Amino acid sequence: MQNDDEKIIVKTLDLFKKYGVKSVSMDDIASALAVSKKTLYTHFDSKDLLIEKTIFYIFTEHFKKIDRILEKDLSPLQKIILIYRYGINQMISYDPAFYFELKKYHISAHKHYEGHKNDIIFKTILGLLKEAQELNEIRQDVNLNLFCEIHLYKIDEILADPDFNTQYSTQQMLNHLVIYNLRGIVVDPSLISYLP
């Protein structure tokens, strides 16, 4: 059951997804919740704090989903593909303005976003890539940190471009941004052909 803060965050996130961050005011959020702005400010004393808590909530939900994927009886490469399929679907569900406005107008919240993104790429995904390399599924000469930097780190910026993410299907984006790059470093491309 959600507490009052979480209800506010969930409603705020819904508005941010549709309209971006900048154009949604505290008045808009209070109105959507059918509460006074004064009541809203008793929970979050500024829009910046509400945005930071919303980012924290987004990634808490992401990590829950990622943990469920990590618990599956699948190969490390299959887990990476499932994590990115989930991530791409999440990214394209937001108005592209959300990411650009977060970076431009809400620097502290954007730092939290970048920190969580780094955790996913350079801890979780890199860990799975190292596991696959130890299993001799990935060539031993591949620098996995460099692979992450070149092929995975900027995917969110690519997906935030509305000209890109509305032109292709989720599967096409997953194939071209993740799967085909993985096939270039695996010992046997058939290792990543199965996707549950």
Protein backbone atom coordinates (compact mmCIF):
# COMPACT_ATOMS: atom_id res chain seq x y z
CA MET A 1 0.00 0.00 0.00
CA GLN A 2 1.31 3.42 -0.97
CA ASN A 3 1.92 6.12 1.60
CA ASP A 4 1.04 9.76 0.84
CA ASP A 5 4.54 10.64 -0.39
CA GLU A 6 4.57 7.69 -2.77
CA LYS A 7 1.10 8.59 -4.11
CA ILE A 8 2.36 12.10 -4.85
CA ILE A 9 5.50 10.75 -6.54
CA VAL A 10 3.53 8.28 -8.69
CA LYS A 11 1.14 11.00 -9.86
CA THR A 12 4.03 13.40 -10.45
CA LEU A 13 5.85 10.77 -12.49
CA ASP A 14 2.75 10.25 -14.60
CA LEU A 15 2.66 13.97 -15.37
CA PHE A 16 6.41 14.12 -16.08
CA LYS A 17 6.12 11.17 -18.46
CA LYS A 18 3.43 12.96 -20.46
CA TYR A 19 4.61 16.57 -20.37
CA GLY A 20 8.26 16.67 -19.33
CA VAL A 21 9.58 18.28 -16.15
CA LYS A 22 9.66 22.02 -16.84
CA SER A 23 6.06 22.50 -17.95
CA VAL A 24 4.59 20.67 -14.94
CA SER A 25 4.16 23.07 -12.03
CA MET A 26 3.47 22.35 -8.37
CA ASP A 27 -0.02 23.77 -9.06
CA ASP A 28 -0.51 21.16 -11.79
CA ILE A 29 0.59 18.38 -9.45
CA ALA A 30 -1.65 19.59 -6.62
CA SER A 31 -4.57 19.84 -9.03
CA ALA A 32 -3.99 16.32 -10.39
CA LEU A 33 -3.93 15.01 -6.82
CA ALA A 34 -6.98 17.06 -5.81
CA VAL A 35 -5.09 18.60 -2.88
CA SER A 36 -4.05 22.15 -2.06
CA LYS A 37 -0.59 23.38 -2.99
CA LYS A 38 -0.03 23.96 0.74
CA THR A 39 -0.68 20.26 1.41
CA LEU A 40 1.72 19.32 -1.38
CA TYR A 41 4.43 21.53 0.13
CA THR A 42 4.03 19.82 3.52
CA HIS A 43 5.30 16.64 1.83
CA PHE A 44 7.86 18.18 -0.55
CA ASP A 45 9.12 21.67 0.21
CA SER A 46 10.28 22.32 -3.36
CA LYS A 47 9.80 21.08 -6.88
CA ASP A 48 13.50 20.18 -6.99
CA LEU A 49 13.11 17.87 -4.00
CA LEU A 50 10.04 16.26 -5.57
CA ILE A 51 11.96 15.72 -8.81
CA GLU A 52 14.87 14.12 -6.91
CA LYS A 53 12.52 11.81 -5.03
CA THR A 54 10.80 10.93 -8.31
CA ILE A 55 14.15 9.96 -9.87
CA PHE A 56 14.92 7.85 -6.80
CA TYR A 57 11.51 6.17 -7.14
CA ILE A 58 12.02 5.47 -10.87
CA PHE A 59 15.31 3.73 -10.25
CA THR A 60 14.00 1.84 -7.20
CA GLU A 61 11.37 0.34 -9.52
CA HIS A 62 14.01 -0.32 -12.20
CA PHE A 63 16.26 -2.15 -9.74
CA LYS A 64 13.33 -4.30 -8.58
CA LYS A 65 12.66 -5.36 -12.17
CA ILE A 66 16.37 -5.91 -12.86
CA ASP A 67 16.66 -8.05 -9.71
CA ARG A 68 13.77 -10.23 -10.95
CA ILE A 69 15.58 -10.66 -14.28
CA LEU A 70 18.85 -11.51 -12.51
CA GLU A 71 17.06 -14.25 -10.55
CA LYS A 72 15.97 -16.02 -13.74
CA ASP A 73 17.68 -19.22 -14.81
CA LEU A 74 19.19 -17.69 -17.94
CA SER A 75 22.66 -17.04 -19.33
CA PRO A 76 24.33 -13.69 -18.53
CA LEU A 77 23.87 -12.60 -22.16
CA GLN A 78 20.16 -13.38 -22.12
CA LYS A 79 19.78 -11.41 -18.88
CA ILE A 80 21.48 -8.40 -20.51
CA ILE A 81 19.05 -8.54 -23.42
CA LEU A 82 16.03 -8.75 -21.10
CA ILE A 83 17.32 -5.81 -19.02
CA TYR A 84 17.73 -3.70 -22.16
CA ARG A 85 14.36 -4.73 -23.57
CA TYR A 86 12.80 -3.54 -20.30
CA GLY A 87 14.94 -0.37 -20.31
CA ILE A 88 14.09 0.58 -23.89
CA ASN A 89 10.37 0.14 -23.21
CA GLN A 90 10.70 2.36 -20.15
CA MET A 91 12.69 5.06 -21.95
CA ILE A 92 10.26 5.42 -24.83
CA SER A 93 7.30 5.69 -22.44
CA TYR A 94 8.52 9.16 -21.38
CA ASP A 95 8.11 12.44 -23.21
CA PRO A 96 11.62 13.14 -24.57
CA ALA A 97 11.51 16.56 -22.89
CA PHE A 98 11.80 14.78 -19.53
CA TYR A 99 15.45 13.83 -20.08
CA PHE A 100 16.55 17.08 -21.71
CA GLU A 101 14.85 19.26 -19.08
CA LEU A 102 16.19 17.15 -16.25
CA LYS A 103 19.74 17.69 -17.52
CA LYS A 104 19.28 21.39 -18.26
CA TYR A 105 17.20 22.64 -15.33
CA HIS A 106 17.57 20.15 -12.47
CA ILE A 107 21.26 19.42 -12.13
CA SER A 108 21.10 17.69 -8.74
CA ALA A 109 18.35 15.30 -9.88
CA HIS A 110 20.25 14.69 -13.11
CA LYS A 111 23.34 13.72 -11.10
CA HIS A 112 21.24 11.12 -9.28
CA TYR A 113 19.95 9.88 -12.64
CA GLU A 114 23.50 9.57 -14.02
CA GLY A 115 24.68 7.83 -10.85
CA HIS A 116 21.94 5.21 -11.06
CA LYS A 117 22.55 4.76 -14.79
CA ASN A 118 26.23 4.17 -14.08
CA ASP A 119 25.33 1.56 -11.47
CA ILE A 120 23.21 -0.33 -13.99
CA ILE A 121 25.81 -0.21 -16.76
CA PHE A 122 29.10 -0.44 -14.89
CA LYS A 123 28.01 -2.75 -12.08
CA THR A 124 25.09 -4.89 -13.22
CA ILE A 125 25.65 -5.09 -16.99
CA LEU A 126 29.44 -5.10 -16.76
CA GLY A 127 29.19 -7.82 -14.12
CA LEU A 128 27.07 -9.94 -16.47
CA LEU A 129 29.51 -9.33 -19.34
CA LYS A 130 32.43 -10.40 -17.13
CA GLU A 131 30.50 -13.51 -16.12
CA ALA A 132 29.89 -14.32 -19.80
CA GLN A 133 33.58 -13.75 -20.55
CA GLU A 134 34.57 -16.11 -17.73
CA LEU A 135 32.25 -18.72 -19.27
CA ASN A 136 34.12 -18.19 -22.58
CA GLU A 137 30.95 -16.87 -24.21
CA ILE A 138 32.69 -13.54 -24.94
CA ARG A 139 36.09 -13.32 -26.60
CA GLN A 140 38.92 -12.87 -24.11
CA ASP A 141 40.46 -9.97 -26.06
CA VAL A 142 37.38 -7.76 -25.58
CA ASN A 143 37.80 -4.82 -23.19
CA LEU A 144 34.41 -4.94 -21.49
CA ASN A 145 34.69 -1.49 -19.88
CA LEU A 146 35.38 0.02 -23.29
CA PHE A 147 32.49 -1.96 -24.80
CA CYS A 148 30.15 -0.47 -22.19
CA GLU A 149 31.48 3.06 -22.79
CA ILE A 150 31.13 2.86 -26.57
CA HIS A 151 28.00 0.78 -27.05
CA LEU A 152 25.85 1.09 -23.93
CA TYR A 153 26.53 4.34 -22.08
CA LYS A 154 24.74 6.72 -24.48
CA ILE A 155 21.74 4.54 -25.36
CA ASP A 156 19.44 6.65 -23.17
CA GLU A 157 20.43 9.81 -25.08
CA ILE A 158 19.72 8.12 -28.40
CA LEU A 159 16.33 6.92 -27.16
CA ALA A 160 15.44 10.37 -25.84
CA ASP A 161 15.42 11.66 -29.42
CA PRO A 162 11.78 11.59 -30.56
CA ASP A 163 12.81 11.39 -34.22
CA PHE A 164 14.55 8.14 -33.38
CA ASN A 165 12.29 6.44 -30.88
CA THR A 166 9.07 6.95 -32.82
CA GLN A 167 10.52 5.72 -36.10
CA TYR A 168 11.47 2.18 -35.05
CA SER A 169 9.91 -0.65 -33.08
CA THR A 170 11.23 -1.65 -29.68
CA GLN A 171 12.62 -4.86 -31.17
CA GLN A 172 14.43 -2.98 -33.95
CA MET A 173 15.99 -0.64 -31.40
CA LEU A 174 16.95 -3.54 -29.14
CA ASN A 175 18.51 -5.38 -32.09
CA HIS A 176 20.54 -2.45 -33.39
CA LEU A 177 21.53 -0.86 -30.08
CA VAL A 178 22.29 -4.01 -28.09
CA ILE A 179 21.97 -7.44 -29.69
CA TYR A 180 24.01 -6.83 -32.85
CA ASN A 181 26.79 -5.23 -30.80
CA LEU A 182 26.81 -8.21 -28.45
CA ARG A 183 27.01 -10.58 -31.41
CA GLY A 184 30.21 -8.83 -32.44
CA ILE A 185 31.99 -9.86 -29.22
CA VAL A 186 30.61 -13.32 -28.53
CA VAL A 187 32.44 -16.53 -29.40
CA ASP A 188 29.28 -18.03 -30.89
CA PRO A 189 26.47 -15.68 -32.07
CA SER A 190 23.86 -18.39 -31.42
CA LEU A 191 24.47 -17.84 -27.68
CA ILE A 192 22.24 -14.76 -27.82
CA SER A 193 19.71 -15.86 -30.40
CA TYR A 194 17.20 -17.07 -27.79
CA LEU A 195 15.16 -14.43 -26.04
CA PRO A 196 12.47 -15.62 -23.59
